[in-house]
Amino acid sequence: MIFSDRKDVTMGKENLQRNAAINITKNIRKQIMETYEKNNIPNLYGFKLTHEELIRDTDGLEKEIIEIMNHPRKYKALLNVFTYFGNIEGI
C-alpha cells in the first residue's frame, strides 16, 4: 500500500506541475500579445503578430517550464523574472 500511495502522490505532483505550466504558458502568451499590440511591434517579417505564429513560436514552452519547476534555483529565477515584469507593467 505504501508504494501505491507514493505513485498517487507523484502523479498528483505531475498533474499540478502540468496544470501550472499550462497556466504560465497561457499568461506568457497573453503578455506577449498584449505587449506587441500595445506597442505596435511587428513580428520578424514586419507584419502584425498573429495568434498562430505565437503558438508556433512558443511550442514546447510547457515542457520547458516543467523542467524549470524541477530545479529549485531555476524556478526561483523564473519567479523573480515574473515579479520584475509584474512590477514594471504600470510604467
N, C-alpha and C. Protein backbone atom coordinates (compact mmCIF):
# COMPACT_ATOMS: atom_id res chain seq x y z
N MET A 1 0.80 -1.20 0.00
CA MET A 1 0.00 0.00 0.00
C MET A 1 0.85 1.27 0.00
N ILE A 2 1.97 1.24 0.67
CA ILE A 2 2.81 2.42 0.74
C ILE A 2 3.30 2.82 -0.65
N PHE A 3 3.67 1.83 -1.47
CA PHE A 3 4.18 2.14 -2.79
C PHE A 3 3.11 2.76 -3.69
N SER A 4 1.87 2.28 -3.58
CA SER A 4 0.81 2.87 -4.40
C SER A 4 0.51 4.30 -3.96
N ASP A 5 0.65 4.58 -2.66
CA ASP A 5 0.45 5.95 -2.18
C ASP A 5 1.50 6.88 -2.76
N ARG A 6 2.75 6.41 -2.84
CA ARG A 6 3.81 7.22 -3.44
C ARG A 6 3.51 7.51 -4.90
N LYS A 7 2.99 6.50 -5.59
CA LYS A 7 2.66 6.68 -7.00
C LYS A 7 1.56 7.73 -7.15
N ASP A 8 0.56 7.67 -6.28
CA ASP A 8 -0.53 8.66 -6.32
C ASP A 8 -0.01 10.07 -6.06
N VAL A 9 0.89 10.19 -5.09
CA VAL A 9 1.47 11.50 -4.77
C VAL A 9 2.28 12.01 -5.96
N THR A 10 3.07 11.13 -6.57
CA THR A 10 3.87 11.52 -7.72
C THR A 10 2.98 11.96 -8.88
N MET A 11 1.92 11.20 -9.14
CA MET A 11 1.01 11.55 -10.22
C MET A 11 0.29 12.87 -9.91
N GLY A 12 -0.05 13.09 -8.64
CA GLY A 12 -0.68 14.34 -8.25
C GLY A 12 0.25 15.52 -8.46
N LYS A 13 1.52 15.34 -8.10
CA LYS A 13 2.51 16.40 -8.30
C LYS A 13 2.69 16.69 -9.78
N GLU A 14 2.75 15.64 -10.60
CA GLU A 14 2.91 15.83 -12.04
C GLU A 14 1.72 16.57 -12.63
N ASN A 15 0.51 16.21 -12.18
CA ASN A 15 -0.69 16.90 -12.67
C ASN A 15 -0.68 18.37 -12.26
N LEU A 16 -0.28 18.66 -11.03
CA LEU A 16 -0.21 20.04 -10.58
C LEU A 16 0.82 20.82 -11.38
N GLN A 17 1.98 20.21 -11.62
CA GLN A 17 3.01 20.88 -12.41
C GLN A 17 2.53 21.13 -13.83
N ARG A 18 1.89 20.14 -14.43
CA ARG A 18 1.40 20.29 -15.80
C ARG A 18 0.36 21.42 -15.88
N ASN A 19 -0.57 21.44 -14.93
CA ASN A 19 -1.58 22.50 -14.91
C ASN A 19 -0.96 23.87 -14.70
N ALA A 20 0.01 23.94 -13.80
CA ALA A 20 0.70 25.22 -13.56
C ALA A 20 1.46 25.65 -14.80
N ALA A 21 2.12 24.71 -15.47
CA ALA A 21 2.87 25.04 -16.69
C ALA A 21 1.93 25.53 -17.78
N ILE A 22 0.77 24.92 -17.90
CA ILE A 22 -0.22 25.36 -18.90
C ILE A 22 -0.67 26.79 -18.59
N ASN A 23 -0.95 27.07 -17.31
CA ASN A 23 -1.38 28.42 -16.92
C ASN A 23 -0.29 29.45 -17.15
N ILE A 24 0.94 29.10 -16.81
CA ILE A 24 2.07 30.02 -17.00
C ILE A 24 2.25 30.30 -18.49
N THR A 25 2.17 29.25 -19.31
CA THR A 25 2.32 29.41 -20.75
C THR A 25 1.23 30.32 -21.31
N LYS A 26 0.00 30.12 -20.88
CA LYS A 26 -1.10 30.98 -21.34
C LYS A 26 -0.84 32.43 -20.95
N ASN A 27 -0.38 32.65 -19.73
CA ASN A 27 -0.11 34.01 -19.27
C ASN A 27 1.04 34.65 -20.04
N ILE A 28 2.08 33.87 -20.33
CA ILE A 28 3.20 34.39 -21.11
C ILE A 28 2.73 34.78 -22.50
N ARG A 29 1.96 33.90 -23.13
CA ARG A 29 1.45 34.20 -24.48
C ARG A 29 0.56 35.45 -24.46
N LYS A 30 -0.28 35.55 -23.45
CA LYS A 30 -1.17 36.71 -23.32
C LYS A 30 -0.35 37.99 -23.17
N GLN A 31 0.67 37.93 -22.33
CA GLN A 31 1.51 39.10 -22.09
C GLN A 31 2.25 39.50 -23.36
N ILE A 32 2.74 38.53 -24.12
CA ILE A 32 3.43 38.82 -25.37
C ILE A 32 2.48 39.50 -26.35
N MET A 33 1.28 38.93 -26.53
CA MET A 33 0.32 39.51 -27.47
C MET A 33 -0.06 40.93 -27.05
N GLU A 34 -0.30 41.15 -25.77
CA GLU A 34 -0.67 42.48 -25.30
C GLU A 34 0.46 43.47 -25.52
N THR A 35 1.69 43.05 -25.26
CA THR A 35 2.84 43.93 -25.45
C THR A 35 3.03 44.28 -26.91
N TYR A 36 2.94 43.28 -27.78
CA TYR A 36 3.09 43.53 -29.22
C TYR A 36 1.99 44.45 -29.74
N GLU A 37 0.75 44.23 -29.30
CA GLU A 37 -0.36 45.06 -29.77
C GLU A 37 -0.28 46.48 -29.21
N LYS A 38 0.02 46.58 -27.92
CA LYS A 38 0.06 47.89 -27.26
C LYS A 38 1.16 48.78 -27.84
N ASN A 39 2.30 48.18 -28.11
CA ASN A 39 3.45 48.95 -28.61
C ASN A 39 3.58 48.90 -30.12
N ASN A 40 2.61 48.27 -30.79
CA ASN A 40 2.59 48.18 -32.25
C ASN A 40 3.90 47.60 -32.79
N ILE A 41 4.35 46.51 -32.18
CA ILE A 41 5.60 45.85 -32.57
C ILE A 41 5.29 44.82 -33.66
N PRO A 42 6.02 44.86 -34.78
CA PRO A 42 5.79 43.85 -35.82
C PRO A 42 6.48 42.54 -35.47
N ASN A 43 6.07 41.47 -36.14
CA ASN A 43 6.76 40.19 -35.95
C ASN A 43 8.07 40.22 -36.73
N LEU A 44 8.73 39.09 -36.84
CA LEU A 44 10.02 39.03 -37.52
C LEU A 44 9.94 39.38 -39.00
N TYR A 45 8.75 39.23 -39.58
CA TYR A 45 8.58 39.50 -41.00
C TYR A 45 8.02 40.89 -41.27
N GLY A 46 7.85 41.69 -40.24
CA GLY A 46 7.39 43.06 -40.40
C GLY A 46 5.89 43.23 -40.36
N PHE A 47 5.16 42.17 -40.10
CA PHE A 47 3.70 42.24 -40.04
C PHE A 47 3.23 42.10 -38.60
N LYS A 48 1.93 42.26 -38.41
CA LYS A 48 1.34 42.10 -37.09
C LYS A 48 1.47 40.64 -36.63
N LEU A 49 1.85 40.45 -35.38
CA LEU A 49 1.97 39.11 -34.81
C LEU A 49 0.60 38.47 -34.71
N THR A 50 0.47 37.26 -35.24
CA THR A 50 -0.80 36.55 -35.16
C THR A 50 -0.75 35.51 -34.04
N HIS A 51 -1.93 35.10 -33.62
CA HIS A 51 -2.01 34.09 -32.56
C HIS A 51 -1.38 32.78 -33.02
N GLU A 52 -1.56 32.41 -34.27
CA GLU A 52 -0.99 31.17 -34.80
C GLU A 52 0.54 31.20 -34.75
N GLU A 53 1.12 32.36 -35.10
CA GLU A 53 2.58 32.49 -35.03
C GLU A 53 3.07 32.36 -33.60
N LEU A 54 2.36 32.99 -32.70
CA LEU A 54 2.74 32.93 -31.29
C LEU A 54 2.70 31.51 -30.76
N ILE A 55 1.65 30.77 -31.10
CA ILE A 55 1.53 29.37 -30.67
C ILE A 55 2.69 28.56 -31.24
N ARG A 56 2.98 28.76 -32.51
CA ARG A 56 4.07 28.03 -33.16
C ARG A 56 5.43 28.38 -32.52
N ASP A 57 5.64 29.67 -32.26
CA ASP A 57 6.92 30.11 -31.70
C ASP A 57 7.12 29.66 -30.26
N THR A 58 6.04 29.45 -29.53
CA THR A 58 6.15 29.05 -28.12
C THR A 58 5.83 27.57 -27.93
N ASP A 59 5.82 26.82 -29.01
CA ASP A 59 5.57 25.38 -28.92
C ASP A 59 6.65 24.72 -28.06
N GLY A 60 6.27 23.91 -27.13
CA GLY A 60 7.21 23.24 -26.24
C GLY A 60 7.53 24.02 -24.97
N LEU A 61 6.93 25.19 -24.83
CA LEU A 61 7.21 26.02 -23.65
C LEU A 61 6.74 25.34 -22.36
N GLU A 62 5.63 24.63 -22.42
CA GLU A 62 5.12 23.95 -21.23
C GLU A 62 6.12 22.93 -20.70
N LYS A 63 6.73 22.16 -21.59
CA LYS A 63 7.73 21.17 -21.16
C LYS A 63 8.94 21.85 -20.54
N GLU A 64 9.36 22.97 -21.12
CA GLU A 64 10.50 23.70 -20.56
C GLU A 64 10.17 24.25 -19.18
N ILE A 65 8.95 24.72 -18.99
CA ILE A 65 8.56 25.25 -17.69
C ILE A 65 8.53 24.14 -16.65
N ILE A 66 8.02 22.97 -17.02
CA ILE A 66 8.03 21.83 -16.09
C ILE A 66 9.46 21.47 -15.71
N GLU A 67 10.36 21.50 -16.67
CA GLU A 67 11.77 21.21 -16.39
C GLU A 67 12.34 22.24 -15.41
N ILE A 68 11.99 23.50 -15.61
CA ILE A 68 12.45 24.55 -14.70
C ILE A 68 11.88 24.35 -13.30
N MET A 69 10.62 23.92 -13.21
CA MET A 69 9.99 23.71 -11.91
C MET A 69 10.69 22.62 -11.10
N ASN A 70 11.34 21.70 -11.77
CA ASN A 70 12.03 20.61 -11.08
C ASN A 70 13.42 20.99 -10.61
N HIS A 71 13.86 22.21 -10.89
CA HIS A 71 15.15 22.71 -10.43
C HIS A 71 14.90 23.96 -9.59
N PRO A 72 15.04 23.87 -8.27
CA PRO A 72 14.67 24.99 -7.38
C PRO A 72 15.31 26.33 -7.74
N ARG A 73 16.59 26.35 -8.11
CA ARG A 73 17.23 27.63 -8.42
C ARG A 73 16.68 28.24 -9.71
N LYS A 74 16.44 27.39 -10.70
CA LYS A 74 15.86 27.88 -11.96
C LYS A 74 14.44 28.39 -11.72
N TYR A 75 13.70 27.67 -10.89
CA TYR A 75 12.31 28.06 -10.61
C TYR A 75 12.28 29.39 -9.87
N LYS A 76 13.20 29.57 -8.93
CA LYS A 76 13.27 30.84 -8.20
C LYS A 76 13.60 31.98 -9.16
N ALA A 77 14.52 31.73 -10.09
CA ALA A 77 14.86 32.75 -11.08
C ALA A 77 13.66 33.10 -11.95
N LEU A 78 12.89 32.09 -12.35
CA LEU A 78 11.69 32.31 -13.15
C LEU A 78 10.69 33.18 -12.39
N LEU A 79 10.49 32.87 -11.12
CA LEU A 79 9.57 33.67 -10.30
C LEU A 79 10.06 35.11 -10.16
N ASN A 80 11.38 35.29 -10.03
CA ASN A 80 11.94 36.64 -9.94
C ASN A 80 11.68 37.42 -11.23
N VAL A 81 11.80 36.76 -12.37
CA VAL A 81 11.54 37.42 -13.65
C VAL A 81 10.08 37.84 -13.73
N PHE A 82 9.17 36.94 -13.34
CA PHE A 82 7.74 37.28 -13.36
C PHE A 82 7.44 38.43 -12.42
N THR A 83 8.06 38.44 -11.26
CA THR A 83 7.86 39.53 -10.31
C THR A 83 8.36 40.85 -10.89
N TYR A 84 9.52 40.81 -11.53
CA TYR A 84 10.09 42.01 -12.15
C TYR A 84 9.14 42.57 -13.19
N PHE A 85 8.68 41.72 -14.11
CA PHE A 85 7.79 42.20 -15.16
C PHE A 85 6.44 42.63 -14.60
N GLY A 86 6.00 42.00 -13.54
CA GLY A 86 4.76 42.42 -12.90
C GLY A 86 4.88 43.80 -12.29
N ASN A 87 6.06 44.13 -11.78
CA ASN A 87 6.28 45.43 -11.15
C ASN A 87 6.44 46.55 -12.17
N ILE A 88 6.95 46.26 -13.37
CA ILE A 88 7.16 47.33 -14.34
C ILE A 88 6.00 47.50 -15.30
N GLU A 89 4.97 46.68 -15.18
CA GLU A 89 3.85 46.76 -16.12
C GLU A 89 3.17 48.12 -16.10
N GLY A 90 3.10 48.75 -14.95
CA GLY A 90 2.43 50.04 -14.84
C GLY A 90 3.24 51.19 -15.43
N ILE A 91 4.49 50.95 -15.76
CA ILE A 91 5.36 52.02 -16.28
C ILE A 91 5.05 52.31 -17.71
